[in-house]
Amino acid sequence: MTSVRVKLTFPENLIKEPVIGRLAREFDVLPNIRRANVEEKVGWIVCELAGDEKAVERAIDWLVKLGVEVNRLSDVVES
């Protein structure tokens, strides 16, 4: 089991889509949302993605292909 902390930035066309729900269901990855901001044209989420290492990597690849900007973060990100 692994946990990766990421910042996910969503473009306008994905703001109203259930991306996090699909991520959990389709890849068996548990997202733990730490911070988030969603506005009309853009949204971002800082979260930890936990699960099997290969599943987490597949989930991240899927997010990128979907159009989500994925930035891996260090362990210290709270403020």
PDB file of N, CA and C in Angstrom:
ATOM      1  N   MET A   1       0.854  -1.182   0.000  1.00  0.00           N
ATOM      2  CA  MET A   1       0.000   0.000   0.000  1.00  0.00           C
ATOM      3  C   MET A   1       0.890   1.231   0.000  1.00  0.00           C
ATOM      4  N   THR A   2       0.504   2.213  -0.790  1.00  0.00           N
ATOM      5  CA  THR A   2       1.265   3.453  -0.875  1.00  0.00           C
ATOM      6  C   THR A   2       0.313   4.635  -0.760  1.00  0.00           C
ATOM      7  N   SER A   3       0.867   5.800  -0.457  1.00  0.00           N
ATOM      8  CA  SER A   3       0.089   7.031  -0.397  1.00  0.00           C
ATOM      9  C   SER A   3       0.900   8.131  -1.068  1.00  0.00           C
ATOM     10  N   VAL A   4       0.267   8.809  -2.015  1.00  0.00           N
ATOM     11  CA  VAL A   4       0.928   9.878  -2.761  1.00  0.00           C
ATOM     12  C   VAL A   4       0.125  11.154  -2.569  1.00  0.00           C
ATOM     13  N   ARG A   5       0.800  12.237  -2.202  1.00  0.00           N
ATOM     14  CA  ARG A   5       0.123  13.520  -2.032  1.00  0.00           C
ATOM     15  C   ARG A   5       0.248  14.302  -3.333  1.00  0.00           C
ATOM     16  N   VAL A   6      -0.893  14.770  -3.832  1.00  0.00           N
ATOM     17  CA  VAL A   6      -0.932  15.470  -5.118  1.00  0.00           C
ATOM     18  C   VAL A   6      -1.828  16.705  -5.031  1.00  0.00           C
ATOM     19  N   LYS A   7      -1.561  17.631  -5.933  1.00  0.00           N
ATOM     20  CA  LYS A   7      -2.485  18.748  -6.164  1.00  0.00           C
ATOM     21  C   LYS A   7      -3.079  18.513  -7.539  1.00  0.00           C
ATOM     22  N   LEU A   8      -4.396  18.422  -7.585  1.00  0.00           N
ATOM     23  CA  LEU A   8      -5.118  18.203  -8.828  1.00  0.00           C
ATOM     24  C   LEU A   8      -5.792  19.505  -9.229  1.00  0.00           C
ATOM     25  N   THR A   9      -5.503  19.999 -10.423  1.00  0.00           N
ATOM     26  CA  THR A   9      -6.118  21.223 -10.926  1.00  0.00           C
ATOM     27  C   THR A   9      -7.021  20.838 -12.090  1.00  0.00           C
ATOM     28  N   PHE A  10      -8.302  21.181 -11.946  1.00  0.00           N
ATOM     29  CA  PHE A  10      -9.320  20.784 -12.905  1.00  0.00           C
ATOM     30  C   PHE A  10      -9.665  21.938 -13.832  1.00  0.00           C
ATOM     31  N   PRO A  11      -9.700  21.687 -15.158  1.00  0.00           N
ATOM     32  CA  PRO A  11     -10.143  22.722 -16.093  1.00  0.00           C
ATOM     33  C   PRO A  11     -11.662  22.891 -16.004  1.00  0.00           C
ATOM     34  N   GLU A  12     -12.135  23.953 -16.579  1.00  0.00           N
ATOM     35  CA  GLU A  12     -13.558  24.302 -16.518  1.00  0.00           C
ATOM     36  C   GLU A  12     -14.474  23.159 -16.953  1.00  0.00           C
ATOM     37  N   ASN A  13     -14.108  22.437 -17.995  1.00  0.00           N
ATOM     38  CA  ASN A  13     -14.989  21.393 -18.513  1.00  0.00           C
ATOM     39  C   ASN A  13     -15.116  20.185 -17.570  1.00  0.00           C
ATOM     40  N   LEU A  14     -14.270  20.082 -16.566  1.00  0.00           N
ATOM     41  CA  LEU A  14     -14.339  18.955 -15.636  1.00  0.00           C
ATOM     42  C   LEU A  14     -14.859  19.336 -14.247  1.00  0.00           C
ATOM     43  N   ILE A  15     -15.155  20.616 -14.035  1.00  0.00           N
ATOM     44  CA  ILE A  15     -15.561  21.084 -12.702  1.00  0.00           C
ATOM     45  C   ILE A  15     -16.781  20.331 -12.183  1.00  0.00           C
ATOM     46  N   LYS A  16     -17.749  20.078 -13.018  1.00  0.00           N
ATOM     47  CA  LYS A  16     -18.993  19.454 -12.558  1.00  0.00           C
ATOM     48  C   LYS A  16     -19.015  17.938 -12.746  1.00  0.00           C
ATOM     49  N   GLU A  17     -17.908  17.355 -13.183  1.00  0.00           N
ATOM     50  CA  GLU A  17     -17.831  15.914 -13.402  1.00  0.00           C
ATOM     51  C   GLU A  17     -17.420  15.197 -12.109  1.00  0.00           C
ATOM     52  N   PRO A  18     -17.907  13.981 -11.886  1.00  0.00           N
ATOM     53  CA  PRO A  18     -17.569  13.239 -10.665  1.00  0.00           C
ATOM     54  C   PRO A  18     -16.220  12.509 -10.786  1.00  0.00           C
ATOM     55  N   VAL A  19     -15.173  13.266 -11.028  1.00  0.00           N
ATOM     56  CA  VAL A  19     -13.856  12.694 -11.292  1.00  0.00           C
ATOM     57  C   VAL A  19     -13.325  11.919 -10.076  1.00  0.00           C
ATOM     58  N   ILE A  20     -13.439  12.481  -8.902  1.00  0.00           N
ATOM     59  CA  ILE A  20     -12.911  11.826  -7.702  1.00  0.00           C
ATOM     60  C   ILE A  20     -13.687  10.534  -7.412  1.00  0.00           C
ATOM     61  N   GLY A  21     -14.978  10.549  -7.592  1.00  0.00           N
ATOM     62  CA  GLY A  21     -15.783   9.342  -7.406  1.00  0.00           C
ATOM     63  C   GLY A  21     -15.390   8.240  -8.375  1.00  0.00           C
ATOM     64  N   ARG A  22     -15.185   8.611  -9.630  1.00  0.00           N
ATOM     65  CA  ARG A  22     -14.761   7.626 -10.633  1.00  0.00           C
ATOM     66  C   ARG A  22     -13.381   7.086 -10.307  1.00  0.00           C
ATOM     67  N   LEU A  23     -12.507   7.955  -9.841  1.00  0.00           N
ATOM     68  CA  LEU A  23     -11.155   7.555  -9.463  1.00  0.00           C
ATOM     69  C   LEU A  23     -11.207   6.467  -8.388  1.00  0.00           C
ATOM     70  N   ALA A  24     -12.021   6.684  -7.373  1.00  0.00           N
ATOM     71  CA  ALA A  24     -12.138   5.721  -6.277  1.00  0.00           C
ATOM     72  C   ALA A  24     -12.732   4.403  -6.765  1.00  0.00           C
ATOM     73  N   ARG A  25     -13.761   4.472  -7.573  1.00  0.00           N
ATOM     74  CA  ARG A  25     -14.455   3.267  -8.046  1.00  0.00           C
ATOM     75  C   ARG A  25     -13.665   2.465  -9.061  1.00  0.00           C
ATOM     76  N   GLU A  26     -13.147   3.147 -10.051  1.00  0.00           N
ATOM     77  CA  GLU A  26     -12.519   2.456 -11.170  1.00  0.00           C
ATOM     78  C   GLU A  26     -11.099   1.970 -10.886  1.00  0.00           C
ATOM     79  N   PHE A  27     -10.410   2.624  -9.941  1.00  0.00           N
ATOM     80  CA  PHE A  27      -9.012   2.270  -9.697  1.00  0.00           C
ATOM     81  C   PHE A  27      -8.771   1.726  -8.291  1.00  0.00           C
ATOM     82  N   ASP A  28      -9.816   1.635  -7.485  1.00  0.00           N
ATOM     83  CA  ASP A  28      -9.699   1.150  -6.111  1.00  0.00           C
ATOM     84  C   ASP A  28      -8.646   1.945  -5.343  1.00  0.00           C
ATOM     85  N   VAL A  29      -8.708   3.269  -5.513  1.00  0.00           N
ATOM     86  CA  VAL A  29      -7.810   4.196  -4.837  1.00  0.00           C
ATOM     87  C   VAL A  29      -8.643   5.032  -3.881  1.00  0.00           C
ATOM     88  N   LEU A  30      -8.133   5.222  -2.667  1.00  0.00           N
ATOM     89  CA  LEU A  30      -8.849   5.986  -1.660  1.00  0.00           C
ATOM     90  C   LEU A  30      -8.303   7.411  -1.606  1.00  0.00           C
ATOM     91  N   PRO A  31      -9.080   8.413  -2.044  1.00  0.00           N
ATOM     92  CA  PRO A  31      -8.620   9.799  -1.961  1.00  0.00           C
ATOM     93  C   PRO A  31      -8.973  10.395  -0.600  1.00  0.00           C
ATOM     94  N   ASN A  32      -8.008  11.048   0.007  1.00  0.00           N
ATOM     95  CA  ASN A  32      -8.212  11.758   1.270  1.00  0.00           C
ATOM     96  C   ASN A  32      -7.998  13.240   0.973  1.00  0.00           C
ATOM     97  N   ILE A  33      -9.087  13.986   0.833  1.00  0.00           N
ATOM     98  CA  ILE A  33      -9.009  15.401   0.454  1.00  0.00           C
ATOM     99  C   ILE A  33      -8.579  16.225   1.656  1.00  0.00           C
ATOM    100  N   ARG A  34      -7.481  16.982   1.489  1.00  0.00           N
ATOM    101  CA  ARG A  34      -6.921  17.798   2.570  1.00  0.00           C
ATOM    102  C   ARG A  34      -7.302  19.269   2.428  1.00  0.00           C
ATOM    103  N   ARG A  35      -7.348  19.756   1.210  1.00  0.00           N
ATOM    104  CA  ARG A  35      -7.742  21.141   0.926  1.00  0.00           C
ATOM    105  C   ARG A  35      -8.356  21.163  -0.453  1.00  0.00           C
ATOM    106  N   ALA A  36      -9.233  22.139  -0.677  1.00  0.00           N
ATOM    107  CA  ALA A  36      -9.848  22.246  -2.000  1.00  0.00           C
ATOM    108  C   ALA A  36     -10.411  23.637  -2.210  1.00  0.00           C
ATOM    109  N   ASN A  37     -10.507  24.014  -3.455  1.00  0.00           N
ATOM    110  CA  ASN A  37     -11.154  25.257  -3.848  1.00  0.00           C
ATOM    111  C   ASN A  37     -11.760  25.024  -5.229  1.00  0.00           C
ATOM    112  N   VAL A  38     -13.065  25.184  -5.312  1.00  0.00           N
ATOM    113  CA  VAL A  38     -13.753  24.990  -6.583  1.00  0.00           C
ATOM    114  C   VAL A  38     -14.517  26.261  -6.908  1.00  0.00           C
ATOM    115  N   GLU A  39     -14.237  26.812  -8.083  1.00  0.00           N
ATOM    116  CA  GLU A  39     -14.912  28.010  -8.550  1.00  0.00           C
ATOM    117  C   GLU A  39     -15.578  27.684  -9.883  1.00  0.00           C
ATOM    118  N   GLU A  40     -16.165  28.687 -10.492  1.00  0.00           N
ATOM    119  CA  GLU A  40     -16.917  28.469 -11.731  1.00  0.00           C
ATOM    120  C   GLU A  40     -16.048  27.973 -12.878  1.00  0.00           C
ATOM    121  N   LYS A  41     -14.830  28.469 -13.001  1.00  0.00           N
ATOM    122  CA  LYS A  41     -14.008  28.159 -14.165  1.00  0.00           C
ATOM    123  C   LYS A  41     -12.802  27.271 -13.872  1.00  0.00           C
ATOM    124  N   VAL A  42     -12.464  27.086 -12.634  1.00  0.00           N
ATOM    125  CA  VAL A  42     -11.306  26.264 -12.281  1.00  0.00           C
ATOM    126  C   VAL A  42     -11.484  25.733 -10.867  1.00  0.00           C
ATOM    127  N   GLY A  43     -10.857  24.609 -10.606  1.00  0.00           N
ATOM    128  CA  GLY A  43     -10.902  24.044  -9.258  1.00  0.00           C
ATOM    129  C   GLY A  43      -9.633  23.276  -8.979  1.00  0.00           C
ATOM    130  N   TRP A  44      -9.267  23.205  -7.701  1.00  0.00           N
ATOM    131  CA  TRP A  44      -8.105  22.402  -7.336  1.00  0.00           C
ATOM    132  C   TRP A  44      -8.379  21.664  -6.036  1.00  0.00           C
ATOM    133  N   ILE A  45      -7.688  20.548  -5.896  1.00  0.00           N
ATOM    134  CA  ILE A  45      -7.805  19.712  -4.712  1.00  0.00           C
ATOM    135  C   ILE A  45      -6.403  19.255  -4.332  1.00  0.00           C
ATOM    136  N   VAL A  46      -6.068  19.382  -3.062  1.00  0.00           N
ATOM    137  CA  VAL A  46      -4.864  18.762  -2.531  1.00  0.00           C
ATOM    138  C   VAL A  46      -5.337  17.525  -1.797  1.00  0.00           C
ATOM    139  N   CYS A  47      -4.835  16.374  -2.214  1.00  0.00           N
ATOM    140  CA  CYS A  47      -5.290  15.134  -1.585  1.00  0.00           C
ATOM    141  C   CYS A  47      -4.187  14.091  -1.565  1.00  0.00           C
ATOM    142  N   GLU A  48      -4.424  13.087  -0.745  1.00  0.00           N
ATOM    143  CA  GLU A  48      -3.561  11.920  -0.708  1.00  0.00           C
ATOM    144  C   GLU A  48      -4.308  10.800  -1.423  1.00  0.00           C
ATOM    145  N   LEU A  49      -3.630  10.115  -2.309  1.00  0.00           N
ATOM    146  CA  LEU A  49      -4.207   8.974  -3.012  1.00  0.00           C
ATOM    147  C   LEU A  49      -3.554   7.720  -2.449  1.00  0.00           C
ATOM    148  N   ALA A  50      -4.348   6.885  -1.781  1.00  0.00           N
ATOM    149  CA  ALA A  50      -3.824   5.685  -1.144  1.00  0.00           C
ATOM    150  C   ALA A  50      -4.347   4.447  -1.839  1.00  0.00           C
ATOM    151  N   GLY A  51      -3.491   3.436  -1.926  1.00  0.00           N
ATOM    152  CA  GLY A  51      -3.881   2.177  -2.530  1.00  0.00           C
ATOM    153  C   GLY A  51      -2.664   1.416  -2.995  1.00  0.00           C
ATOM    154  N   ASP A  52      -2.903   0.361  -3.743  1.00  0.00           N
ATOM    155  CA  ASP A  52      -1.818  -0.395  -4.345  1.00  0.00           C
ATOM    156  C   ASP A  52      -1.000   0.543  -5.232  1.00  0.00           C
ATOM    157  N   GLU A  53       0.305   0.432  -5.176  1.00  0.00           N
ATOM    158  CA  GLU A  53       1.179   1.354  -5.907  1.00  0.00           C
ATOM    159  C   GLU A  53       0.850   1.416  -7.404  1.00  0.00           C
ATOM    160  N   LYS A  54       0.612   0.271  -8.023  1.00  0.00           N
ATOM    161  CA  LYS A  54       0.281   0.247  -9.456  1.00  0.00           C
ATOM    162  C   LYS A  54      -1.071   0.898  -9.716  1.00  0.00           C
ATOM    163  N   ALA A  55      -2.020   0.689  -8.825  1.00  0.00           N
ATOM    164  CA  ALA A  55      -3.351   1.294  -8.983  1.00  0.00           C
ATOM    165  C   ALA A  55      -3.265   2.806  -8.876  1.00  0.00           C
ATOM    166  N   VAL A  56      -2.466   3.304  -7.939  1.00  0.00           N
ATOM    167  CA  VAL A  56      -2.298   4.749  -7.779  1.00  0.00           C
ATOM    168  C   VAL A  56      -1.665   5.344  -9.033  1.00  0.00           C
ATOM    169  N   GLU A  57      -0.651   4.693  -9.573  1.00  0.00           N
ATOM    170  CA  GLU A  57      -0.001   5.195 -10.786  1.00  0.00           C
ATOM    171  C   GLU A  57      -0.948   5.168 -11.983  1.00  0.00           C
ATOM    172  N   ARG A  58      -1.768   4.115 -12.104  1.00  0.00           N
ATOM    173  CA  ARG A  58      -2.762   4.058 -13.195  1.00  0.00           C
ATOM    174  C   ARG A  58      -3.789   5.183 -13.031  1.00  0.00           C
ATOM    175  N   ALA A  59      -4.186   5.439 -11.791  1.00  0.00           N
ATOM    176  CA  ALA A  59      -5.161   6.499 -11.527  1.00  0.00           C
ATOM    177  C   ALA A  59      -4.590   7.863 -11.910  1.00  0.00           C
ATOM    178  N   ILE A  60      -3.335   8.103 -11.564  1.00  0.00           N
ATOM    179  CA  ILE A  60      -2.690   9.377 -11.920  1.00  0.00           C
ATOM    180  C   ILE A  60      -2.583   9.514 -13.434  1.00  0.00           C
ATOM    181  N   ASP A  61      -2.194   8.446 -14.113  1.00  0.00           N
ATOM    182  CA  ASP A  61      -2.118   8.481 -15.584  1.00  0.00           C
ATOM    183  C   ASP A  61      -3.485   8.795 -16.189  1.00  0.00           C
ATOM    184  N   TRP A  62      -4.537   8.187 -15.649  1.00  0.00           N
ATOM    185  CA  TRP A  62      -5.899   8.432 -16.123  1.00  0.00           C
ATOM    186  C   TRP A  62      -6.289   9.898 -15.926  1.00  0.00           C
ATOM    187  N   LEU A  63      -5.953  10.460 -14.768  1.00  0.00           N
ATOM    188  CA  LEU A  63      -6.267  11.875 -14.505  1.00  0.00           C
ATOM    189  C   LEU A  63      -5.607  12.771 -15.544  1.00  0.00           C
ATOM    190  N   VAL A  64      -4.346  12.514 -15.823  1.00  0.00           N
ATOM    191  CA  VAL A  64      -3.611  13.324 -16.808  1.00  0.00           C
ATOM    192  C   VAL A  64      -4.264  13.210 -18.184  1.00  0.00           C
ATOM    193  N   LYS A  65      -4.610  11.993 -18.596  1.00  0.00           N
ATOM    194  CA  LYS A  65      -5.253  11.799 -19.897  1.00  0.00           C
ATOM    195  C   LYS A  65      -6.617  12.476 -19.963  1.00  0.00           C
ATOM    196  N   LEU A  66      -7.279  12.561 -18.820  1.00  0.00           N
ATOM    197  CA  LEU A  66      -8.586  13.209 -18.742  1.00  0.00           C
ATOM    198  C   LEU A  66      -8.480  14.726 -18.894  1.00  0.00           C
ATOM    199  N   GLY A  67      -7.300  15.287 -18.591  1.00  0.00           N
ATOM    200  CA  GLY A  67      -7.099  16.727 -18.691  1.00  0.00           C
ATOM    201  C   GLY A  67      -6.876  17.414 -17.362  1.00  0.00           C
ATOM    202  N   VAL A  68      -6.707  16.624 -16.299  1.00  0.00           N
ATOM    203  CA  VAL A  68      -6.426  17.175 -14.973  1.00  0.00           C
ATOM    204  C   VAL A  68      -4.918  17.389 -14.859  1.00  0.00           C
ATOM    205  N   GLU A  69      -4.524  18.556 -14.366  1.00  0.00           N
ATOM    206  CA  GLU A  69      -3.107  18.822 -14.110  1.00  0.00           C
ATOM    207  C   GLU A  69      -2.760  18.178 -12.772  1.00  0.00           C
ATOM    208  N   VAL A  70      -1.767  17.301 -12.758  1.00  0.00           N
ATOM    209  CA  VAL A  70      -1.380  16.579 -11.545  1.00  0.00           C
ATOM    210  C   VAL A  70       0.025  17.002 -11.137  1.00  0.00           C
ATOM    211  N   ASN A  71       0.146  17.544  -9.930  1.00  0.00           N
ATOM    212  CA  ASN A  71       1.443  17.911  -9.383  1.00  0.00           C
ATOM    213  C   ASN A  71       1.669  17.114  -8.106  1.00  0.00           C
ATOM    214  N   ARG A  72       2.742  16.345  -8.085  1.00  0.00           N
ATOM    215  CA  ARG A  72       3.091  15.603  -6.864  1.00  0.00           C
ATOM    216  C   ARG A  72       3.694  16.574  -5.863  1.00  0.00           C
ATOM    217  N   LEU A  73       3.283  16.427  -4.605  1.00  0.00           N
ATOM    218  CA  LEU A  73       3.714  17.336  -3.551  1.00  0.00           C
ATOM    219  C   LEU A  73       4.568  16.605  -2.539  1.00  0.00           C
ATOM    220  N   SER A  74       5.370  17.392  -1.813  1.00  0.00           N
ATOM    221  CA  SER A  74       6.126  16.824  -0.709  1.00  0.00           C
ATOM    222  C   SER A  74       5.175  16.589   0.469  1.00  0.00           C
ATOM    223  N   ASP A  75       5.680  16.013   1.536  1.00  0.00           N
ATOM    224  CA  ASP A  75       4.840  15.708   2.682  1.00  0.00           C
ATOM    225  C   ASP A  75       4.333  16.944   3.415  1.00  0.00           C
ATOM    226  N   VAL A  76       5.042  18.067   3.343  1.00  0.00           N
ATOM    227  CA  VAL A  76       4.635  19.260   4.059  1.00  0.00           C
ATOM    228  C   VAL A  76       3.948  20.213   3.080  1.00  0.00           C
ATOM    229  N   VAL A  77       2.616  20.341   3.191  1.00  0.00           N
ATOM    230  CA  VAL A  77       1.882  21.194   2.266  1.00  0.00           C
ATOM    231  C   VAL A  77       0.795  21.987   2.978  1.00  0.00           C
ATOM    232  N   GLU A  78       0.517  21.671   4.234  1.00  0.00           N
ATOM    233  CA  GLU A  78      -0.555  22.330   4.970  1.00  0.00           C
ATOM    234  C   GLU A  78      -0.172  23.767   5.305  1.00  0.00           C
ATOM    235  N   SER A  79      -1.108  24.682   5.149  1.00  0.00           N
ATOM    236  CA  SER A  79      -0.891  26.071   5.591  1.00  0.00           C
ATOM    237  C   SER A  79      -2.204  26.801   5.617  1.00  0.00           C
TER     238      SER A  79
END
